[in-house]
Amino acid sequence: MSGSVYIGISGWRYVPWRGKFYPPGLAQHRELEYAATQLPSIEINGSFYSLQRPSSYAAWHAATPPGFVFAVKGNRFLTHMLKLRDIEGPLANVLASGVFALKEKLGPFLWQFPPMMKFEPERFEHFLSLLPQDTDAALERALQYQPRMEGKVSLEAGPRRPMRHAVEIRHESFMDPAFIAMLRRYKVALVVADTAGRWPLAEDVTADFVYIRLHGDQELYASGYGDEAIAAWAGRIHAWRHGRQPEEARLISATAPPRKKARDVYCYFDNDIKVHAPYDAQRLIKAVADLSGTGS
């Protein structure tokens, strides 16, 4: 028994990719459609910078094949500007903004925190307590959207489905076993973030899935992953998808996670500057398949 693995890229609209990863002459509006033929999952990062429209989410759903999965990056207004203060309305806005239009292709939410933001237990626990664990709870919160969203919402949540959340931290104060225990209470994943040593990297399993972001192991957002690095990440993913911890996992807490026979794994490459991301994703997909005995 093993969990599902979704390996892809963070975003898809990058000028340097045109004529390289994307075929010459490919219309910009067809780039997602093309990327979805090459990879099984993409992390939407435009939602981090501004709320997207329901029509955009619906178009993204239509442009991708059955079985495709989107991760959604949570809006920075909550994490970077409000810093988790008074976020009930803004969180409702995020959930009402159109994510339900992704339907069965809606994967985890990623919530990234700025490097200056420290671990403040009460504030952080309040945030975790607000995160909906299924689409019914998400709809209930989405209905509390703020007046400025009127006419720009989608509230058709469809059949009840689980919702997953992951947090990416960038301050050393989060390297605290109490933080790991808190994430486990709320079943929220700690993002395993490879940032060329710039920010903390920890591999504690805190949910029934694992979320990885690979920003570059030598140069942030720019360097590609060599064969040795790809093999190492494939080995980690192989362990996680079978419910195990990787050997020599880099851990914050000495307490082991609840035992599972399998965990799903989501992994996104964000080393996009020099067009490494999509090719590194394809190489990692092959390496994981080879370990599982399903490679060519």
Protein backbone atom coordinates (compact mmCIF):
# COMPACT_ATOMS: atom_id res chain seq x y z
CA MET A 1 0.00 0.00 0.00
CA SER A 2 1.31 3.46 -0.85
CA GLY A 3 0.05 7.00 -1.01
CA SER A 4 -0.43 8.99 -4.20
CA VAL A 5 2.38 11.27 -5.34
CA TYR A 6 1.82 14.59 -7.12
CA ILE A 7 4.97 16.24 -8.46
CA GLY A 8 4.81 19.48 -10.37
CA ILE A 9 5.70 23.15 -10.57
CA SER A 10 4.86 26.34 -8.72
CA GLY A 11 3.08 28.53 -11.27
CA TRP A 12 3.20 28.17 -15.02
CA ARG A 13 3.38 31.65 -16.56
CA TYR A 14 7.07 32.44 -16.98
CA VAL A 15 8.45 34.34 -19.96
CA PRO A 16 11.81 32.47 -20.01
CA TRP A 17 9.95 29.17 -20.44
CA ARG A 18 8.43 30.22 -23.75
CA GLY A 19 10.16 28.55 -26.66
CA LYS A 20 11.99 26.24 -24.24
CA PHE A 21 9.65 24.23 -22.04
CA TYR A 22 6.68 25.58 -23.99
CA PRO A 23 6.82 24.91 -27.74
CA PRO A 24 7.64 27.92 -29.93
CA GLY A 25 4.51 29.78 -30.95
CA LEU A 26 2.29 28.27 -28.26
CA ALA A 27 -0.41 30.80 -27.33
CA GLN A 28 -0.07 32.06 -23.76
CA HIS A 29 -3.62 31.03 -22.90
CA ARG A 30 -2.72 27.42 -23.75
CA GLU A 31 0.35 27.20 -21.50
CA LEU A 32 -1.53 25.60 -18.60
CA GLU A 33 -3.13 23.11 -20.97
CA TYR A 34 0.33 22.14 -22.26
CA ALA A 35 1.95 22.00 -18.81
CA ALA A 36 -0.86 19.70 -17.64
CA THR A 37 0.08 17.21 -20.38
CA GLN A 38 3.62 17.06 -18.99
CA LEU A 39 2.97 17.09 -15.22
CA PRO A 40 0.18 15.83 -12.91
CA SER A 41 -0.05 18.83 -10.58
CA ILE A 42 0.60 22.58 -10.35
CA GLU A 43 0.70 24.98 -7.44
CA ILE A 44 -1.33 28.12 -8.18
CA ASN A 45 0.75 31.06 -6.96
CA GLY A 46 -1.17 33.98 -8.46
CA SER A 47 -3.63 33.52 -5.58
CA PHE A 48 -0.84 34.55 -3.20
CA TYR A 49 -0.54 38.01 -4.72
CA SER A 50 -4.23 38.76 -5.29
CA LEU A 51 -7.59 37.07 -5.06
CA GLN A 52 -8.41 35.32 -8.32
CA ARG A 53 -11.85 35.27 -9.93
CA PRO A 54 -14.25 32.33 -10.09
CA SER A 55 -14.05 32.43 -13.90
CA SER A 56 -10.28 31.86 -13.71
CA TYR A 57 -10.59 28.84 -11.44
CA ALA A 58 -13.29 27.41 -13.70
CA ALA A 59 -11.10 27.92 -16.77
CA TRP A 60 -8.15 26.22 -15.05
CA HIS A 61 -10.34 23.25 -14.19
CA ALA A 62 -11.50 23.02 -17.81
CA ALA A 63 -7.94 23.28 -19.21
CA THR A 64 -6.59 20.28 -17.29
CA PRO A 65 -7.26 16.54 -17.68
CA PRO A 66 -9.09 14.21 -15.28
CA GLY A 67 -6.98 13.36 -12.25
CA PHE A 68 -5.03 16.61 -12.36
CA VAL A 69 -4.54 18.35 -8.98
CA PHE A 70 -4.03 22.00 -8.08
CA ALA A 71 -2.50 23.25 -4.86
CA VAL A 72 -3.61 26.78 -3.98
CA LYS A 73 -1.28 29.30 -2.37
CA GLY A 74 -3.13 31.26 0.30
CA ASN A 75 -3.36 35.02 -0.07
CA ARG A 76 -0.49 37.04 1.43
CA PHE A 77 -2.92 39.61 2.83
CA LEU A 78 -3.55 37.21 5.73
CA THR A 79 0.02 36.03 6.27
CA HIS A 80 2.26 38.95 5.32
CA MET A 81 0.13 42.06 5.84
CA LEU A 82 -2.30 41.18 8.62
CA LYS A 83 0.18 38.67 10.08
CA LEU A 84 -2.78 36.55 11.20
CA ARG A 85 -4.58 39.39 13.03
CA ASP A 86 -8.31 39.86 12.34
CA ILE A 87 -8.31 37.34 9.51
CA GLU A 88 -11.80 35.87 9.75
CA GLY A 89 -13.22 38.04 6.96
CA PRO A 90 -10.18 37.83 4.67
CA LEU A 91 -10.09 34.03 5.06
CA ALA A 92 -13.76 33.90 4.09
CA ASN A 93 -12.90 36.01 1.03
CA VAL A 94 -10.22 33.53 -0.03
CA LEU A 95 -12.60 30.60 0.26
CA ALA A 96 -15.39 32.46 -1.57
CA SER A 97 -13.15 33.75 -4.38
CA GLY A 98 -13.58 30.76 -6.67
CA VAL A 99 -11.56 27.83 -5.31
CA PHE A 100 -14.71 25.65 -5.25
CA ALA A 101 -14.73 25.90 -9.06
CA LEU A 102 -11.68 23.61 -9.08
CA LYS A 103 -14.09 20.87 -7.89
CA GLU A 104 -12.38 17.48 -7.54
CA LYS A 105 -9.05 18.99 -8.68
CA LEU A 106 -8.70 21.11 -5.52
CA GLY A 107 -5.69 19.89 -3.58
CA PRO A 108 -3.97 21.37 -0.50
CA PHE A 109 -3.79 25.02 0.48
CA LEU A 110 -0.29 26.35 1.02
CA TRP A 111 0.12 29.11 3.63
CA GLN A 112 3.55 30.71 3.47
CA PHE A 113 4.83 33.00 6.23
CA PRO A 114 7.37 35.81 5.88
CA PRO A 115 10.94 35.45 7.22
CA MET A 116 10.39 38.06 9.96
CA MET A 117 7.31 36.37 11.37
CA LYS A 118 8.03 34.55 14.64
CA PHE A 119 6.14 31.68 16.23
CA GLU A 120 3.54 33.20 18.55
CA PRO A 121 1.56 30.19 19.81
CA GLU A 122 -1.79 31.84 20.57
CA ARG A 123 -1.99 33.75 17.29
CA PHE A 124 -0.87 30.76 15.25
CA GLU A 125 -3.24 28.34 16.96
CA HIS A 126 -6.15 30.69 16.30
CA PHE A 127 -5.26 30.64 12.60
CA LEU A 128 -5.05 26.85 12.51
CA SER A 129 -8.42 26.59 14.26
CA LEU A 130 -10.03 28.59 11.44
CA LEU A 131 -8.80 26.38 8.61
CA PRO A 132 -11.67 24.22 7.27
CA GLN A 133 -11.05 20.48 7.14
CA ASP A 134 -13.67 19.81 4.46
CA THR A 135 -15.60 21.66 1.80
CA ASP A 136 -18.76 21.84 3.91
CA ALA A 137 -16.87 23.73 6.63
CA ALA A 138 -15.17 25.84 3.94
CA LEU A 139 -18.53 26.84 2.50
CA GLU A 140 -19.83 27.77 5.95
CA ARG A 141 -16.87 30.11 6.40
CA ALA A 142 -16.97 31.37 2.80
CA LEU A 143 -20.53 32.57 3.36
CA GLN A 144 -19.05 35.14 5.75
CA TYR A 145 -17.24 36.95 2.92
CA GLN A 146 -16.87 40.70 3.18
CA PRO A 147 -19.11 43.14 1.25
CA ARG A 148 -16.36 44.13 -1.19
CA MET A 149 -16.54 40.60 -2.62
CA GLU A 150 -20.16 40.93 -3.66
CA GLY A 151 -20.59 39.75 -7.26
CA LYS A 152 -17.15 38.11 -7.29
CA VAL A 153 -17.79 34.90 -5.38
CA SER A 154 -18.43 31.23 -6.11
CA LEU A 155 -20.33 29.35 -3.42
CA GLU A 156 -21.10 26.04 -5.15
CA ALA A 157 -18.99 23.72 -3.02
CA GLY A 158 -20.37 20.48 -4.48
CA PRO A 159 -20.18 17.15 -2.63
CA ARG A 160 -18.35 17.14 0.67
CA ARG A 161 -14.63 16.54 0.20
CA PRO A 162 -11.68 16.74 2.59
CA MET A 163 -9.52 19.87 2.54
CA ARG A 164 -5.84 19.91 3.36
CA HIS A 165 -3.57 22.72 4.54
CA ALA A 166 0.21 23.11 4.75
CA VAL A 167 2.31 25.89 6.29
CA GLU A 168 5.74 27.08 5.13
CA ILE A 169 7.75 28.81 7.86
CA ARG A 170 10.87 30.95 7.47
CA HIS A 171 11.87 31.91 11.02
CA GLU A 172 14.02 29.90 13.42
CA SER A 173 11.54 30.36 16.28
CA PHE A 174 9.30 27.74 14.65
CA MET A 175 11.95 25.10 15.30
CA ASP A 176 10.05 24.26 18.47
CA PRO A 177 8.50 20.87 19.38
CA ALA A 178 5.41 22.74 20.61
CA PHE A 179 4.84 24.00 17.08
CA ILE A 180 5.01 20.45 15.70
CA ALA A 181 2.56 19.23 18.36
CA MET A 182 0.20 22.08 17.43
CA LEU A 183 0.28 21.22 13.73
CA ARG A 184 -0.49 17.59 14.55
CA ARG A 185 -3.50 18.59 16.65
CA TYR A 186 -4.96 20.42 13.67
CA LYS A 187 -3.75 17.90 11.05
CA VAL A 188 -1.85 20.60 9.15
CA ALA A 189 1.35 19.70 7.28
CA LEU A 190 4.68 21.40 7.82
CA VAL A 191 6.13 22.22 4.40
CA VAL A 192 9.49 20.59 3.76
CA ALA A 193 11.15 23.58 2.10
CA ASP A 194 14.57 23.34 0.45
CA THR A 195 15.80 26.94 0.19
CA ALA A 196 19.55 26.58 -0.44
CA GLY A 197 20.11 26.93 3.31
CA ARG A 198 18.52 30.38 3.55
CA TRP A 199 15.59 29.37 5.78
CA PRO A 200 14.89 26.46 8.14
CA LEU A 201 14.38 23.00 6.69
CA ALA A 202 12.55 20.40 8.77
CA GLU A 203 10.96 17.09 7.80
CA ASP A 204 8.58 16.39 10.70
CA VAL A 205 5.41 14.66 9.51
CA THR A 206 2.41 16.44 11.04
CA ALA A 207 -0.56 15.36 8.88
CA ASP A 208 -1.81 12.49 6.74
CA PHE A 209 0.10 13.94 3.78
CA VAL A 210 3.48 15.53 3.08
CA TYR A 211 4.06 18.81 1.20
CA ILE A 212 7.45 19.64 -0.31
CA ARG A 213 8.68 22.83 -2.00
CA LEU A 214 12.03 22.71 -3.81
CA HIS A 215 13.32 26.25 -4.35
CA GLY A 216 16.87 25.24 -5.35
CA ASP A 217 19.51 23.46 -3.30
CA GLN A 218 22.50 25.61 -4.28
CA GLU A 219 21.05 28.94 -5.43
CA LEU A 220 17.60 30.10 -4.35
CA TYR A 221 15.03 29.96 -7.19
CA ALA A 222 17.78 29.45 -9.76
CA SER A 223 19.85 26.26 -9.40
CA GLY A 224 18.74 22.95 -10.85
CA TYR A 225 18.87 19.66 -8.98
CA GLY A 226 21.61 17.22 -9.94
CA ASP A 227 21.14 13.46 -10.25
CA GLU A 228 22.28 12.83 -6.67
CA ALA A 229 19.82 15.37 -5.27
CA ILE A 230 16.95 14.02 -7.38
CA ALA A 231 17.72 10.49 -6.17
CA ALA A 232 17.78 11.68 -2.54
CA TRP A 233 14.41 13.41 -2.82
CA ALA A 234 12.96 10.37 -4.58
CA GLY A 235 14.12 8.24 -1.65
CA ARG A 236 12.45 10.55 0.85
CA ILE A 237 9.20 10.58 -1.12
CA HIS A 238 9.30 6.79 -1.36
CA ALA A 239 9.54 6.54 2.43
CA TRP A 240 6.80 9.11 3.10
CA ARG A 241 4.33 7.59 0.64
CA HIS A 242 4.73 4.25 2.44
CA GLY A 243 4.03 5.83 5.83
CA ARG A 244 7.66 5.85 6.99
CA GLN A 245 10.12 8.56 7.94
CA PRO A 246 13.16 8.93 5.67
CA GLU A 247 16.44 7.78 7.16
CA GLU A 248 18.23 10.60 8.97
CA ALA A 249 15.18 12.85 8.67
CA ARG A 250 15.82 16.40 9.85
CA LEU A 251 13.40 16.71 12.76
CA ILE A 252 12.29 19.39 15.21
CA SER A 253 10.43 17.05 17.54
CA ALA A 254 11.62 13.79 19.07
CA THR A 255 8.01 12.56 19.17
CA ALA A 256 7.14 10.35 16.22
CA PRO A 257 4.00 11.07 14.19
CA PRO A 258 0.97 8.78 14.29
CA ARG A 259 1.68 5.61 12.33
CA LYS A 260 0.18 5.39 8.87
CA LYS A 261 0.39 2.70 6.19
CA ALA A 262 0.51 5.35 3.49
CA ARG A 263 0.62 9.11 3.00
CA ASP A 264 0.01 11.21 -0.10
CA VAL A 265 2.92 13.42 -1.13
CA TYR A 266 2.76 16.75 -2.98
CA CYS A 267 6.02 18.20 -4.31
CA TYR A 268 6.49 21.44 -6.26
CA PHE A 269 9.61 22.86 -7.88
CA ASP A 270 10.01 26.63 -7.53
CA ASN A 271 13.46 26.96 -9.16
CA ASP A 272 11.94 28.65 -12.18
CA ILE A 273 14.38 31.44 -13.08
CA LYS A 274 16.54 29.33 -15.40
CA VAL A 275 13.79 26.97 -16.59
CA HIS A 276 14.92 24.11 -14.34
CA ALA A 277 11.59 23.55 -12.58
CA PRO A 278 9.55 21.60 -15.16
CA TYR A 279 12.46 19.40 -16.21
CA ASP A 280 13.49 18.69 -12.60
CA ALA A 281 9.88 17.76 -11.87
CA GLN A 282 9.84 15.29 -14.76
CA ARG A 283 13.13 13.75 -13.61
CA LEU A 284 11.84 13.35 -10.06
CA ILE A 285 8.62 11.76 -11.31
CA LYS A 286 10.70 9.17 -13.17
CA ALA A 287 13.00 8.56 -10.18
CA VAL A 288 10.03 7.97 -7.85
CA ALA A 289 8.40 5.67 -10.40
CA ASP A 290 11.63 3.69 -10.75
CA LEU A 291 11.84 3.21 -6.97
CA SER A 292 8.26 1.95 -6.95
CA GLY A 293 8.89 -0.43 -9.81
CA THR A 294 6.57 1.41 -12.18
CA GLY A 295 9.19 3.23 -14.22
CA SER A 296 9.98 2.46 -17.84
